[in-house]
């Protein structure tokens, strides 16, 4: 009975981490969309300072995401087969985890698509103003989409 309670608590922790990750990704998406709106206005003299501020804010969120990923993997790896042995008991909770992981992958894709649009917009602005240096400052998430999906798919396969 104690083992089941322990597994349940770990699943709740994983759910919490995924919820927080979804919140952080939502914030990153909002910042990324704000960048696009700002770039579209073409307020050239303010672009560099805005890029620096938004990149700094996004980096803080990305750092927290990396920490969440590490905690998630640590908790997930701590099951040591106990989850597989009790898969049927926690079927509902495992489905919730899988749904959240899919939401995370979807949000991550939205962020990457918006970042690509931002780079194109900024590139157009820079080409007009011959100021190519700022495009390199636009940060993207550290993991590629395929790496992120692979990590979560590997985790799902262990479930």
C-alpha atoms as a PDB file:
ATOM      1  CA  UNK A   1       0.000   0.000   0.000  1.00  0.00           C
ATOM      2  CA  UNK A   2       2.825   2.377   0.834  1.00  0.00           C
ATOM      3  CA  UNK A   3       4.366   1.783  -2.606  1.00  0.00           C
ATOM      4  CA  UNK A   4       1.102   2.752  -4.322  1.00  0.00           C
ATOM      5  CA  UNK A   5       0.885   5.926  -2.256  1.00  0.00           C
ATOM      6  CA  UNK A   6       4.463   6.762  -3.181  1.00  0.00           C
ATOM      7  CA  UNK A   7       3.744   6.229  -6.879  1.00  0.00           C
ATOM      8  CA  UNK A   8       0.615   8.362  -6.625  1.00  0.00           C
ATOM      9  CA  UNK A   9       2.588  11.193  -4.998  1.00  0.00           C
ATOM     10  CA  UNK A  10       5.256  11.003  -7.693  1.00  0.00           C
ATOM     11  CA  UNK A  11       2.623  11.132 -10.419  1.00  0.00           C
ATOM     12  CA  UNK A  12       1.128  14.215  -8.748  1.00  0.00           C
ATOM     13  CA  UNK A  13       4.584  15.809  -8.701  1.00  0.00           C
ATOM     14  CA  UNK A  14       5.011  15.044 -12.399  1.00  0.00           C
ATOM     15  CA  UNK A  15       1.611  16.569 -13.111  1.00  0.00           C
ATOM     16  CA  UNK A  16       2.560  19.700 -11.202  1.00  0.00           C
ATOM     17  CA  UNK A  17       5.831  19.990 -13.126  1.00  0.00           C
ATOM     18  CA  UNK A  18       4.033  19.604 -16.448  1.00  0.00           C
ATOM     19  CA  UNK A  19       1.451  22.227 -15.435  1.00  0.00           C
ATOM     20  CA  UNK A  20       4.230  24.647 -14.546  1.00  0.00           C
ATOM     21  CA  UNK A  21       6.014  23.882 -17.800  1.00  0.00           C
ATOM     22  CA  UNK A  22       2.827  24.655 -19.736  1.00  0.00           C
ATOM     23  CA  UNK A  23       2.565  27.986 -17.884  1.00  0.00           C
ATOM     24  CA  UNK A  24       6.169  28.879 -18.681  1.00  0.00           C
ATOM     25  CA  UNK A  25       5.798  27.923 -22.321  1.00  0.00           C
ATOM     26  CA  UNK A  26       2.681  30.092 -22.486  1.00  0.00           C
ATOM     27  CA  UNK A  27       4.672  33.029 -21.133  1.00  0.00           C
ATOM     28  CA  UNK A  28       7.447  32.414 -23.647  1.00  0.00           C
ATOM     29  CA  UNK A  29       4.872  32.279 -26.450  1.00  0.00           C
ATOM     30  CA  UNK A  30       3.389  35.591 -25.263  1.00  0.00           C
ATOM     31  CA  UNK A  31       6.822  37.218 -25.204  1.00  0.00           C
ATOM     32  CA  UNK A  32       7.595  35.829 -28.642  1.00  0.00           C
ATOM     33  CA  UNK A  33       4.327  37.197 -30.038  1.00  0.00           C
ATOM     34  CA  UNK A  34       5.088  40.560 -28.433  1.00  0.00           C
ATOM     35  CA  UNK A  35       8.442  40.553 -30.172  1.00  0.00           C
ATOM     36  CA  UNK A  36       6.679  40.064 -33.511  1.00  0.00           C
ATOM     37  CA  UNK A  37       4.288  42.945 -32.823  1.00  0.00           C
ATOM     38  CA  UNK A  38       7.189  45.179 -31.860  1.00  0.00           C
ATOM     39  CA  UNK A  39       9.201  44.238 -34.949  1.00  0.00           C
ATOM     40  CA  UNK A  40       6.197  44.938 -37.167  1.00  0.00           C
ATOM     41  CA  UNK A  41       6.025  48.497 -35.831  1.00  0.00           C
ATOM     42  CA  UNK A  42       9.574  49.013 -37.102  1.00  0.00           C
ATOM     43  CA  UNK A  43      10.589  51.362 -34.304  1.00  0.00           C
ATOM     44  CA  UNK A  44      14.185  50.929 -35.281  1.00  0.00           C
ATOM     45  CA  UNK A  45      15.844  52.919 -32.533  1.00  0.00           C
ATOM     46  CA  UNK A  46      14.136  50.839 -29.843  1.00  0.00           C
ATOM     47  CA  UNK A  47      14.502  47.374 -31.371  1.00  0.00           C
ATOM     48  CA  UNK A  48      17.869  46.559 -29.809  1.00  0.00           C
ATOM     49  CA  UNK A  49      16.807  47.469 -26.276  1.00  0.00           C
ATOM     50  CA  UNK A  50      13.530  45.565 -26.677  1.00  0.00           C
ATOM     51  CA  UNK A  51      15.354  42.509 -27.991  1.00  0.00           C
ATOM     52  CA  UNK A  52      17.737  42.559 -25.044  1.00  0.00           C
ATOM     53  CA  UNK A  53      14.910  42.877 -22.503  1.00  0.00           C
ATOM     54  CA  UNK A  54      12.715  40.223 -24.072  1.00  0.00           C
ATOM     55  CA  UNK A  55      15.602  37.810 -24.584  1.00  0.00           C
ATOM     56  CA  UNK A  56      16.638  38.245 -20.956  1.00  0.00           C
ATOM     57  CA  UNK A  57      13.087  37.497 -19.792  1.00  0.00           C
ATOM     58  CA  UNK A  58      12.750  34.495 -22.092  1.00  0.00           C
ATOM     59  CA  UNK A  59      16.103  33.139 -20.920  1.00  0.00           C
ATOM     60  CA  UNK A  60      14.949  33.180 -17.288  1.00  0.00           C
ATOM     61  CA  UNK A  61      11.888  31.166 -18.281  1.00  0.00           C
ATOM     62  CA  UNK A  62      13.951  28.785 -20.400  1.00  0.00           C
ATOM     63  CA  UNK A  63      16.316  28.220 -17.477  1.00  0.00           C
ATOM     64  CA  UNK A  64      13.354  27.290 -15.290  1.00  0.00           C
ATOM     65  CA  UNK A  65      12.097  24.943 -18.035  1.00  0.00           C
ATOM     66  CA  UNK A  66      15.442  23.154 -18.074  1.00  0.00           C
ATOM     67  CA  UNK A  67      15.241  22.780 -14.301  1.00  0.00           C
ATOM     68  CA  UNK A  68      11.709  21.384 -14.581  1.00  0.00           C
ATOM     69  CA  UNK A  69      12.843  18.895 -17.236  1.00  0.00           C
ATOM     70  CA  UNK A  70      15.632  17.716 -14.967  1.00  0.00           C
ATOM     71  CA  UNK A  71      13.275  17.323 -11.990  1.00  0.00           C
ATOM     72  CA  UNK A  72      10.738  15.511 -14.173  1.00  0.00           C
ATOM     73  CA  UNK A  73      13.330  13.008 -15.377  1.00  0.00           C
ATOM     74  CA  UNK A  74      14.677  12.463 -11.857  1.00  0.00           C
ATOM     75  CA  UNK A  75      11.211  11.741 -10.483  1.00  0.00           C
ATOM     76  CA  UNK A  76      10.257   9.614 -13.463  1.00  0.00           C
ATOM     77  CA  UNK A  77      13.411   7.513 -13.232  1.00  0.00           C
ATOM     78  CA  UNK A  78      12.818   6.976  -9.510  1.00  0.00           C
ATOM     79  CA  UNK A  79       9.816   4.737 -10.168  1.00  0.00           C
ATOM     80  CA  UNK A  80      12.149   1.776 -10.812  1.00  0.00           C
ATOM     81  CA  UNK A  81       9.506  -0.446 -12.363  1.00  0.00           C
ATOM     82  CA  UNK A  82       6.922   0.226  -9.671  1.00  0.00           C
ATOM     83  CA  UNK A  83       4.845   2.174 -12.124  1.00  0.00           C
ATOM     84  CA  UNK A  84       4.916  -0.573 -14.749  1.00  0.00           C
ATOM     85  CA  UNK A  85       3.757  -3.108 -12.178  1.00  0.00           C
ATOM     86  CA  UNK A  86       0.806  -0.882 -11.252  1.00  0.00           C
ATOM     87  CA  UNK A  87       0.038   0.589 -14.658  1.00  0.00           C
ATOM     88  CA  UNK A  88      -3.649  -0.323 -14.588  1.00  0.00           C
ATOM     89  CA  UNK A  89      -4.202   1.331 -11.205  1.00  0.00           C
ATOM     90  CA  UNK A  90      -2.827   4.662 -12.461  1.00  0.00           C
ATOM     91  CA  UNK A  91      -4.188   4.505 -16.000  1.00  0.00           C
ATOM     92  CA  UNK A  92      -6.213   7.743 -15.662  1.00  0.00           C
ATOM     93  CA  UNK A  93      -3.269   9.680 -14.203  1.00  0.00           C
ATOM     94  CA  UNK A  94      -0.900   8.388 -16.881  1.00  0.00           C
ATOM     95  CA  UNK A  95      -3.316   9.527 -19.610  1.00  0.00           C
ATOM     96  CA  UNK A  96      -3.302  12.995 -18.037  1.00  0.00           C
ATOM     97  CA  UNK A  97       0.495  13.043 -18.124  1.00  0.00           C
ATOM     98  CA  UNK A  98       0.497  12.005 -21.773  1.00  0.00           C
ATOM     99  CA  UNK A  99      -2.044  14.694 -22.678  1.00  0.00           C
ATOM    100  CA  UNK A 100       0.007  17.375 -20.940  1.00  0.00           C
ATOM    101  CA  UNK A 101       3.153  16.210 -22.683  1.00  0.00           C
ATOM    102  CA  UNK A 102       1.332  16.535 -26.018  1.00  0.00           C
ATOM    103  CA  UNK A 103       0.161  20.057 -25.059  1.00  0.00           C
ATOM    104  CA  UNK A 104       3.757  20.934 -24.213  1.00  0.00           C
ATOM    105  CA  UNK A 105       4.957  19.662 -27.585  1.00  0.00           C
ATOM    106  CA  UNK A 106       2.208  21.641 -29.360  1.00  0.00           C
ATOM    107  CA  UNK A 107       3.043  24.851 -27.487  1.00  0.00           C
ATOM    108  CA  UNK A 108       6.735  24.334 -28.133  1.00  0.00           C
ATOM    109  CA  UNK A 109       5.998  24.047 -31.852  1.00  0.00           C
ATOM    110  CA  UNK A 110       3.948  27.274 -31.763  1.00  0.00           C
ATOM    111  CA  UNK A 111       6.850  29.062 -30.087  1.00  0.00           C
ATOM    112  CA  UNK A 112       9.335  27.807 -32.670  1.00  0.00           C
ATOM    113  CA  UNK A 113       7.086  28.827 -35.556  1.00  0.00           C
ATOM    114  CA  UNK A 114       6.610  32.288 -34.067  1.00  0.00           C
ATOM    115  CA  UNK A 115      10.352  32.631 -33.487  1.00  0.00           C
ATOM    116  CA  UNK A 116      10.952  31.768 -37.146  1.00  0.00           C
ATOM    117  CA  UNK A 117       8.449  34.455 -38.202  1.00  0.00           C
ATOM    118  CA  UNK A 118      10.157  36.899 -35.856  1.00  0.00           C
ATOM    119  CA  UNK A 119      13.547  36.169 -37.381  1.00  0.00           C
ATOM    120  CA  UNK A 120      12.153  36.721 -40.868  1.00  0.00           C
ATOM    121  CA  UNK A 121      10.495  39.983 -39.838  1.00  0.00           C
ATOM    122  CA  UNK A 122      13.602  41.180 -38.070  1.00  0.00           C
ATOM    123  CA  UNK A 123      15.727  40.149 -41.028  1.00  0.00           C
ATOM    124  CA  UNK A 124      13.525  42.269 -43.300  1.00  0.00           C
ATOM    125  CA  UNK A 125      13.816  45.229 -40.923  1.00  0.00           C
ATOM    126  CA  UNK A 126      17.573  44.751 -40.723  1.00  0.00           C
ATOM    127  CA  UNK A 127      17.956  44.493 -44.460  1.00  0.00           C
ATOM    128  CA  UNK A 128      16.100  47.760 -44.856  1.00  0.00           C
ATOM    129  CA  UNK A 129      18.237  49.442 -42.219  1.00  0.00           C
ATOM    130  CA  UNK A 130      21.505  47.583 -42.896  1.00  0.00           C
ATOM    131  CA  UNK A 131      21.692  46.570 -39.264  1.00  0.00           C
ATOM    132  CA  UNK A 132      22.200  42.779 -39.419  1.00  0.00           C
ATOM    133  CA  UNK A 133      23.874  42.431 -36.002  1.00  0.00           C
ATOM    134  CA  UNK A 134      20.636  42.327 -34.002  1.00  0.00           C
ATOM    135  CA  UNK A 135      19.225  39.175 -35.633  1.00  0.00           C
ATOM    136  CA  UNK A 136      21.792  37.002 -33.873  1.00  0.00           C
ATOM    137  CA  UNK A 137      20.474  38.174 -30.512  1.00  0.00           C
ATOM    138  CA  UNK A 138      17.038  36.627 -30.957  1.00  0.00           C
ATOM    139  CA  UNK A 139      17.186  33.536 -28.769  1.00  0.00           C
ATOM    140  CA  UNK A 140      15.383  30.294 -29.339  1.00  0.00           C
ATOM    141  CA  UNK A 141      14.715  27.377 -27.040  1.00  0.00           C
ATOM    142  CA  UNK A 142      17.785  25.256 -26.431  1.00  0.00           C
ATOM    143  CA  UNK A 143      16.349  21.866 -27.407  1.00  0.00           C
ATOM    144  CA  UNK A 144      15.170  21.189 -30.913  1.00  0.00           C
ATOM    145  CA  UNK A 145      11.581  20.051 -31.321  1.00  0.00           C
ATOM    146  CA  UNK A 146      12.729  16.587 -32.322  1.00  0.00           C
ATOM    147  CA  UNK A 147      14.960  16.325 -29.233  1.00  0.00           C
ATOM    148  CA  UNK A 148      12.092  17.425 -26.997  1.00  0.00           C
ATOM    149  CA  UNK A 149       9.624  14.998 -28.567  1.00  0.00           C
ATOM    150  CA  UNK A 150      12.187  12.184 -28.393  1.00  0.00           C
ATOM    151  CA  UNK A 151      12.779  12.852 -24.692  1.00  0.00           C
ATOM    152  CA  UNK A 152       9.082  12.772 -23.887  1.00  0.00           C
ATOM    153  CA  UNK A 153       8.349   9.839 -26.177  1.00  0.00           C
ATOM    154  CA  UNK A 154      11.138   7.894 -24.474  1.00  0.00           C
ATOM    155  CA  UNK A 155       9.495   8.701 -21.149  1.00  0.00           C
ATOM    156  CA  UNK A 156       6.073   7.687 -22.442  1.00  0.00           C
ATOM    157  CA  UNK A 157       7.465   4.384 -23.676  1.00  0.00           C
ATOM    158  CA  UNK A 158       8.764   3.665 -20.184  1.00  0.00           C
ATOM    159  CA  UNK A 159       5.253   4.139 -18.792  1.00  0.00           C
END
